[in-house]
Amino acid sequence: MQDTIEVKLLKEIRDDLFFLKKKVIIIEEEVDAISNDIHEVRPEYIKKLKKIDKEGKFNSFKNIEELRNAIEVSD
């Protein structure tokens, strides 16, 4: 009787581990997708960086929003 209870418990643990493994794989895939999106550089930023590199002109900005505005209004 004790053996069957232990076997049942072990099967439940195995099933739970299998479920958790699938969830971890899904989470890893989503994190990778988000990471790839975050590290992608917009083409307009690359254009602005090339211009800055060529001119040697550097500006300071108070925050990221001010930087974005400067990039978006300049060609």
PDB file of N, CA and C in Angstrom:
ATOM      1  N   MET A   1       0.817  -1.192   0.000  1.00  0.00           N
ATOM      2  CA  MET A   1       0.000   0.000   0.000  1.00  0.00           C
ATOM      3  C   MET A   1       0.861   1.256   0.000  1.00  0.00           C
ATOM      4  N   GLN A   2       1.899   1.255   0.831  1.00  0.00           N
ATOM      5  CA  GLN A   2       2.793   2.401   0.931  1.00  0.00           C
ATOM      6  C   GLN A   2       3.501   2.660  -0.402  1.00  0.00           C
ATOM      7  N   ASP A   3       3.870   1.580  -1.102  1.00  0.00           N
ATOM      8  CA  ASP A   3       4.561   1.717  -2.377  1.00  0.00           C
ATOM      9  C   ASP A   3       3.694   2.419  -3.410  1.00  0.00           C
ATOM     10  N   THR A   4       2.418   2.099  -3.463  1.00  0.00           N
ATOM     11  CA  THR A   4       1.535   2.734  -4.444  1.00  0.00           C
ATOM     12  C   THR A   4       1.358   4.221  -4.152  1.00  0.00           C
ATOM     13  N   ILE A   5       1.319   4.597  -2.910  1.00  0.00           N
ATOM     14  CA  ILE A   5       1.211   6.018  -2.556  1.00  0.00           C
ATOM     15  C   ILE A   5       2.481   6.754  -2.991  1.00  0.00           C
ATOM     16  N   GLU A   6       3.622   6.144  -2.753  1.00  0.00           N
ATOM     17  CA  GLU A   6       4.887   6.754  -3.151  1.00  0.00           C
ATOM     18  C   GLU A   6       4.997   6.846  -4.669  1.00  0.00           C
ATOM     19  N   VAL A   7       4.544   5.818  -5.350  1.00  0.00           N
ATOM     20  CA  VAL A   7       4.578   5.824  -6.815  1.00  0.00           C
ATOM     21  C   VAL A   7       3.671   6.923  -7.351  1.00  0.00           C
ATOM     22  N   LYS A   8       2.484   7.059  -6.776  1.00  0.00           N
ATOM     23  CA  LYS A   8       1.558   8.120  -7.189  1.00  0.00           C
ATOM     24  C   LYS A   8       2.186   9.491  -6.977  1.00  0.00           C
ATOM     25  N   LEU A   9       2.789   9.651  -5.826  1.00  0.00           N
ATOM     26  CA  LEU A   9       3.427  10.922  -5.488  1.00  0.00           C
ATOM     27  C   LEU A   9       4.569  11.225  -6.464  1.00  0.00           C
ATOM     28  N   LEU A  10       5.365  10.230  -6.765  1.00  0.00           N
ATOM     29  CA  LEU A  10       6.457  10.418  -7.715  1.00  0.00           C
ATOM     30  C   LEU A  10       5.937  10.770  -9.110  1.00  0.00           C
ATOM     31  N   LYS A  11       4.849  10.170  -9.519  1.00  0.00           N
ATOM     32  CA  LYS A  11       4.256  10.484 -10.821  1.00  0.00           C
ATOM     33  C   LYS A  11       3.726  11.924 -10.845  1.00  0.00           C
ATOM     34  N   GLU A  12       3.124  12.347  -9.754  1.00  0.00           N
ATOM     35  CA  GLU A  12       2.643  13.724  -9.664  1.00  0.00           C
ATOM     36  C   GLU A  12       3.809  14.709  -9.725  1.00  0.00           C
ATOM     37  N   ILE A  13       4.871  14.388  -9.028  1.00  0.00           N
ATOM     38  CA  ILE A  13       6.060  15.245  -9.052  1.00  0.00           C
ATOM     39  C   ILE A  13       6.631  15.308 -10.468  1.00  0.00           C
ATOM     40  N   ARG A  14       6.692  14.161 -11.131  1.00  0.00           N
ATOM     41  CA  ARG A  14       7.189  14.116 -12.511  1.00  0.00           C
ATOM     42  C   ARG A  14       6.330  14.973 -13.427  1.00  0.00           C
ATOM     43  N   ASP A  15       5.015  14.842 -13.292  1.00  0.00           N
ATOM     44  CA  ASP A  15       4.102  15.632 -14.113  1.00  0.00           C
ATOM     45  C   ASP A  15       4.263  17.132 -13.847  1.00  0.00           C
ATOM     46  N   ASP A  16       4.406  17.501 -12.575  1.00  0.00           N
ATOM     47  CA  ASP A  16       4.610  18.907 -12.219  1.00  0.00           C
ATOM     48  C   ASP A  16       5.915  19.438 -12.807  1.00  0.00           C
ATOM     49  N   LEU A  17       6.967  18.629 -12.736  1.00  0.00           N
ATOM     50  CA  LEU A  17       8.251  19.040 -13.296  1.00  0.00           C
ATOM     51  C   LEU A  17       8.168  19.211 -14.813  1.00  0.00           C
ATOM     52  N   PHE A  18       7.475  18.306 -15.467  1.00  0.00           N
ATOM     53  CA  PHE A  18       7.292  18.408 -16.912  1.00  0.00           C
ATOM     54  C   PHE A  18       6.544  19.697 -17.263  1.00  0.00           C
ATOM     55  N   PHE A  19       5.485  19.995 -16.504  1.00  0.00           N
ATOM     56  CA  PHE A  19       4.710  21.212 -16.711  1.00  0.00           C
ATOM     57  C   PHE A  19       5.594  22.449 -16.511  1.00  0.00           C
ATOM     58  N   LEU A  20       6.357  22.471 -15.442  1.00  0.00           N
ATOM     59  CA  LEU A  20       7.238  23.603 -15.157  1.00  0.00           C
ATOM     60  C   LEU A  20       8.320  23.758 -16.231  1.00  0.00           C
ATOM     61  N   LYS A  21       8.834  22.652 -16.716  1.00  0.00           N
ATOM     62  CA  LYS A  21       9.842  22.710 -17.772  1.00  0.00           C
ATOM     63  C   LYS A  21       9.270  23.365 -19.020  1.00  0.00           C
ATOM     64  N   LYS A  22       8.046  23.003 -19.397  1.00  0.00           N
ATOM     65  CA  LYS A  22       7.408  23.618 -20.563  1.00  0.00           C
ATOM     66  C   LYS A  22       7.223  25.117 -20.344  1.00  0.00           C
ATOM     67  N   LYS A  23       6.816  25.505 -19.149  1.00  0.00           N
ATOM     68  CA  LYS A  23       6.604  26.924 -18.846  1.00  0.00           C
ATOM     69  C   LYS A  23       7.918  27.708 -18.895  1.00  0.00           C
ATOM     70  N   VAL A  24       8.982  27.117 -18.386  1.00  0.00           N
ATOM     71  CA  VAL A  24      10.294  27.780 -18.411  1.00  0.00           C
ATOM     72  C   VAL A  24      10.750  27.982 -19.856  1.00  0.00           C
ATOM     73  N   ILE A  25      10.532  27.007 -20.697  1.00  0.00           N
ATOM     74  CA  ILE A  25      10.903  27.131 -22.117  1.00  0.00           C
ATOM     75  C   ILE A  25      10.130  28.279 -22.762  1.00  0.00           C
ATOM     76  N   ILE A  26       8.847  28.375 -22.478  1.00  0.00           N
ATOM     77  CA  ILE A  26       8.027  29.456 -23.024  1.00  0.00           C
ATOM     78  C   ILE A  26       8.528  30.812 -22.528  1.00  0.00           C
ATOM     79  N   ILE A  27       8.825  30.897 -21.251  1.00  0.00           N
ATOM     80  CA  ILE A  27       9.326  32.150 -20.666  1.00  0.00           C
ATOM     81  C   ILE A  27      10.658  32.533 -21.309  1.00  0.00           C
ATOM     82  N   GLU A  28      11.553  31.580 -21.483  1.00  0.00           N
ATOM     83  CA  GLU A  28      12.848  31.864 -22.113  1.00  0.00           C
ATOM     84  C   GLU A  28      12.665  32.390 -23.529  1.00  0.00           C
ATOM     85  N   GLU A  29      11.749  31.809 -24.284  1.00  0.00           N
ATOM     86  CA  GLU A  29      11.496  32.267 -25.651  1.00  0.00           C
ATOM     87  C   GLU A  29      10.952  33.694 -25.656  1.00  0.00           C
ATOM     88  N   GLU A  30      10.049  33.996 -24.732  1.00  0.00           N
ATOM     89  CA  GLU A  30       9.490  35.343 -24.657  1.00  0.00           C
ATOM     90  C   GLU A  30      10.548  36.358 -24.230  1.00  0.00           C
ATOM     91  N   VAL A  31      11.386  35.996 -23.291  1.00  0.00           N
ATOM     92  CA  VAL A  31      12.459  36.901 -22.854  1.00  0.00           C
ATOM     93  C   VAL A  31      13.424  37.160 -24.006  1.00  0.00           C
ATOM     94  N   ASP A  32      13.760  36.137 -24.769  1.00  0.00           N
ATOM     95  CA  ASP A  32      14.636  36.324 -25.924  1.00  0.00           C
ATOM     96  C   ASP A  32      13.998  37.263 -26.951  1.00  0.00           C
ATOM     97  N   ALA A  33      12.719  37.094 -27.210  1.00  0.00           N
ATOM     98  CA  ALA A  33      12.023  37.965 -28.163  1.00  0.00           C
ATOM     99  C   ALA A  33      12.011  39.410 -27.682  1.00  0.00           C
ATOM    100  N   ILE A  34      11.737  39.604 -26.406  1.00  0.00           N
ATOM    101  CA  ILE A  34      11.725  40.954 -25.836  1.00  0.00           C
ATOM    102  C   ILE A  34      13.125  41.549 -25.892  1.00  0.00           C
ATOM    103  N   SER A  35      14.116  40.772 -25.551  1.00  0.00           N
ATOM    104  CA  SER A  35      15.503  41.247 -25.569  1.00  0.00           C
ATOM    105  C   SER A  35      15.911  41.671 -26.972  1.00  0.00           C
ATOM    106  N   ASN A  36      15.525  40.904 -27.961  1.00  0.00           N
ATOM    107  CA  ASN A  36      15.852  41.261 -29.345  1.00  0.00           C
ATOM    108  C   ASN A  36      15.176  42.566 -29.743  1.00  0.00           C
ATOM    109  N   ASP A  37      13.944  42.780 -29.319  1.00  0.00           N
ATOM    110  CA  ASP A  37      13.237  44.024 -29.633  1.00  0.00           C
ATOM    111  C   ASP A  37      13.885  45.213 -28.949  1.00  0.00           C
ATOM    112  N   ILE A  38      14.289  45.028 -27.708  1.00  0.00           N
ATOM    113  CA  ILE A  38      14.871  46.128 -26.939  1.00  0.00           C
ATOM    114  C   ILE A  38      16.198  46.569 -27.548  1.00  0.00           C
ATOM    115  N   HIS A  39      17.001  45.647 -28.022  1.00  0.00           N
ATOM    116  CA  HIS A  39      18.330  45.974 -28.499  1.00  0.00           C
ATOM    117  C   HIS A  39      18.373  46.363 -29.973  1.00  0.00           C
ATOM    118  N   GLU A  40      17.228  46.407 -30.605  1.00  0.00           N
ATOM    119  CA  GLU A  40      17.185  46.802 -32.006  1.00  0.00           C
ATOM    120  C   GLU A  40      17.286  48.326 -32.086  1.00  0.00           C
ATOM    121  N   VAL A  41      18.139  48.824 -32.965  1.00  0.00           N
ATOM    122  CA  VAL A  41      18.334  50.263 -33.116  1.00  0.00           C
ATOM    123  C   VAL A  41      17.527  50.745 -34.311  1.00  0.00           C
ATOM    124  N   ARG A  42      16.760  51.799 -34.078  1.00  0.00           N
ATOM    125  CA  ARG A  42      15.952  52.359 -35.161  1.00  0.00           C
ATOM    126  C   ARG A  42      16.849  52.942 -36.243  1.00  0.00           C
ATOM    127  N   PRO A  43      16.432  52.831 -37.507  1.00  0.00           N
ATOM    128  CA  PRO A  43      17.238  53.370 -38.609  1.00  0.00           C
ATOM    129  C   PRO A  43      17.522  54.871 -38.470  1.00  0.00           C
ATOM    130  N   GLU A  44      16.547  55.626 -37.973  1.00  0.00           N
ATOM    131  CA  GLU A  44      16.775  57.073 -37.831  1.00  0.00           C
ATOM    132  C   GLU A  44      17.848  57.375 -36.783  1.00  0.00           C
ATOM    133  N   TYR A  45      17.973  56.515 -35.787  1.00  0.00           N
ATOM    134  CA  TYR A  45      19.027  56.694 -34.788  1.00  0.00           C
ATOM    135  C   TYR A  45      20.397  56.415 -35.408  1.00  0.00           C
ATOM    136  N   ILE A  46      20.463  55.378 -36.225  1.00  0.00           N
ATOM    137  CA  ILE A  46      21.721  55.049 -36.894  1.00  0.00           C
ATOM    138  C   ILE A  46      22.149  56.198 -37.797  1.00  0.00           C
ATOM    139  N   LYS A  47      21.184  56.770 -38.514  1.00  0.00           N
ATOM    140  CA  LYS A  47      21.471  57.903 -39.396  1.00  0.00           C
ATOM    141  C   LYS A  47      22.021  59.084 -38.585  1.00  0.00           C
ATOM    142  N   LYS A  48      21.396  59.382 -37.479  1.00  0.00           N
ATOM    143  CA  LYS A  48      21.833  60.479 -36.624  1.00  0.00           C
ATOM    144  C   LYS A  48      23.219  60.191 -36.041  1.00  0.00           C
ATOM    145  N   LEU A  49      23.472  58.954 -35.612  1.00  0.00           N
ATOM    146  CA  LEU A  49      24.782  58.596 -35.072  1.00  0.00           C
ATOM    147  C   LEU A  49      25.881  58.738 -36.116  1.00  0.00           C
ATOM    148  N   LYS A  50      25.600  58.352 -37.349  1.00  0.00           N
ATOM    149  CA  LYS A  50      26.581  58.508 -38.418  1.00  0.00           C
ATOM    150  C   LYS A  50      26.882  59.983 -38.659  1.00  0.00           C
ATOM    151  N   LYS A  51      25.842  60.815 -38.605  1.00  0.00           N
ATOM    152  CA  LYS A  51      26.011  62.257 -38.800  1.00  0.00           C
ATOM    153  C   LYS A  51      26.867  62.841 -37.668  1.00  0.00           C
ATOM    154  N   ILE A  52      26.578  62.444 -36.447  1.00  0.00           N
ATOM    155  CA  ILE A  52      27.349  62.926 -35.295  1.00  0.00           C
ATOM    156  C   ILE A  52      28.806  62.485 -35.424  1.00  0.00           C
ATOM    157  N   ASP A  53      29.016  61.256 -35.808  1.00  0.00           N
ATOM    158  CA  ASP A  53      30.375  60.739 -35.960  1.00  0.00           C
ATOM    159  C   ASP A  53      31.134  61.510 -37.034  1.00  0.00           C
ATOM    160  N   LYS A  54      30.454  61.814 -38.129  1.00  0.00           N
ATOM    161  CA  LYS A  54      31.079  62.541 -39.236  1.00  0.00           C
ATOM    162  C   LYS A  54      31.408  63.977 -38.839  1.00  0.00           C
ATOM    163  N   GLU A  55      30.480  64.652 -38.176  1.00  0.00           N
ATOM    164  CA  GLU A  55      30.654  66.057 -37.814  1.00  0.00           C
ATOM    165  C   GLU A  55      31.480  66.235 -36.547  1.00  0.00           C
ATOM    166  N   GLY A  56      31.495  65.232 -35.700  1.00  0.00           N
ATOM    167  CA  GLY A  56      32.195  65.355 -34.432  1.00  0.00           C
ATOM    168  C   GLY A  56      31.462  66.268 -33.467  1.00  0.00           C
ATOM    169  N   LYS A  57      30.157  66.454 -33.679  1.00  0.00           N
ATOM    170  CA  LYS A  57      29.336  67.338 -32.850  1.00  0.00           C
ATOM    171  C   LYS A  57      28.574  66.491 -31.823  1.00  0.00           C
ATOM    172  N   PHE A  58      28.693  66.880 -30.562  1.00  0.00           N
ATOM    173  CA  PHE A  58      28.017  66.140 -29.510  1.00  0.00           C
ATOM    174  C   PHE A  58      27.131  67.075 -28.700  1.00  0.00           C
ATOM    175  N   ASN A  59      25.931  66.631 -28.391  1.00  0.00           N
ATOM    176  CA  ASN A  59      24.975  67.409 -27.609  1.00  0.00           C
ATOM    177  C   ASN A  59      24.648  66.672 -26.317  1.00  0.00           C
ATOM    178  N   SER A  60      24.318  67.440 -25.298  1.00  0.00           N
ATOM    179  CA  SER A  60      23.867  66.849 -24.036  1.00  0.00           C
ATOM    180  C   SER A  60      22.358  66.988 -23.947  1.00  0.00           C
ATOM    181  N   PHE A  61      21.731  65.997 -23.325  1.00  0.00           N
ATOM    182  CA  PHE A  61      20.289  66.003 -23.163  1.00  0.00           C
ATOM    183  C   PHE A  61      19.948  65.723 -21.707  1.00  0.00           C
ATOM    184  N   LYS A  62      18.867  66.338 -21.252  1.00  0.00           N
ATOM    185  CA  LYS A  62      18.445  66.176 -19.864  1.00  0.00           C
ATOM    186  C   LYS A  62      17.850  64.799 -19.609  1.00  0.00           C
ATOM    187  N   ASN A  63      17.174  64.260 -20.616  1.00  0.00           N
ATOM    188  CA  ASN A  63      16.529  62.961 -20.464  1.00  0.00           C
ATOM    189  C   ASN A  63      16.372  62.304 -21.827  1.00  0.00           C
ATOM    190  N   ILE A  64      15.913  61.080 -21.834  1.00  0.00           N
ATOM    191  CA  ILE A  64      15.783  60.307 -23.072  1.00  0.00           C
ATOM    192  C   ILE A  64      14.726  60.899 -23.991  1.00  0.00           C
ATOM    193  N   GLU A  65      13.697  61.494 -23.417  1.00  0.00           N
ATOM    194  CA  GLU A  65      12.631  62.094 -24.225  1.00  0.00           C
ATOM    195  C   GLU A  65      13.165  63.273 -25.029  1.00  0.00           C
ATOM    196  N   GLU A  66      14.007  64.072 -24.418  1.00  0.00           N
ATOM    197  CA  GLU A  66      14.616  65.205 -25.113  1.00  0.00           C
ATOM    198  C   GLU A  66      15.497  64.706 -26.263  1.00  0.00           C
ATOM    199  N   LEU A  67      16.224  63.625 -26.028  1.00  0.00           N
ATOM    200  CA  LEU A  67      17.045  63.021 -27.083  1.00  0.00           C
ATOM    201  C   LEU A  67      16.173  62.521 -28.227  1.00  0.00           C
ATOM    202  N   ARG A  68      15.105  61.836 -27.906  1.00  0.00           N
ATOM    203  CA  ARG A  68      14.201  61.329 -28.951  1.00  0.00           C
ATOM    204  C   ARG A  68      13.628  62.465 -29.782  1.00  0.00           C
ATOM    205  N   ASN A  69      13.220  63.532 -29.117  1.00  0.00           N
ATOM    206  CA  ASN A  69      12.669  64.682 -29.840  1.00  0.00           C
ATOM    207  C   ASN A  69      13.705  65.265 -30.797  1.00  0.00           C
ATOM    208  N   ALA A  70      14.941  65.390 -30.355  1.00  0.00           N
ATOM    209  CA  ALA A  70      16.002  65.919 -31.197  1.00  0.00           C
ATOM    210  C   ALA A  70      16.242  65.010 -32.407  1.00  0.00           C
ATOM    211  N   ILE A  71      16.185  63.731 -32.207  1.00  0.00           N
ATOM    212  CA  ILE A  71      16.399  62.792 -33.308  1.00  0.00           C
ATOM    213  C   ILE A  71      15.244  62.845 -34.297  1.00  0.00           C
ATOM    214  N   GLU A  72      14.043  62.918 -33.798  1.00  0.00           N
ATOM    215  CA  GLU A  72      12.870  62.879 -34.663  1.00  0.00           C
ATOM    216  C   GLU A  72      12.698  64.147 -35.478  1.00  0.00           C
ATOM    217  N   VAL A  73      13.121  65.302 -34.971  1.00  0.00           N
ATOM    218  CA  VAL A  73      12.947  66.549 -35.725  1.00  0.00           C
ATOM    219  C   VAL A  73      14.072  66.789 -36.713  1.00  0.00           C
ATOM    220  N   SER A  74      15.231  66.165 -36.494  1.00  0.00           N
ATOM    221  CA  SER A  74      16.342  66.353 -37.444  1.00  0.00           C
ATOM    222  C   SER A  74      16.336  65.249 -38.478  1.00  0.00           C
ATOM    223  N   ASP A  75      16.810  65.574 -39.638  1.00  0.00           N
ATOM    224  CA  ASP A  75      16.882  64.578 -40.712  1.00  0.00           C
ATOM    225  C   ASP A  75      18.250  64.103 -40.811  1.00  0.00           C
TER     226      ASP A  75
END
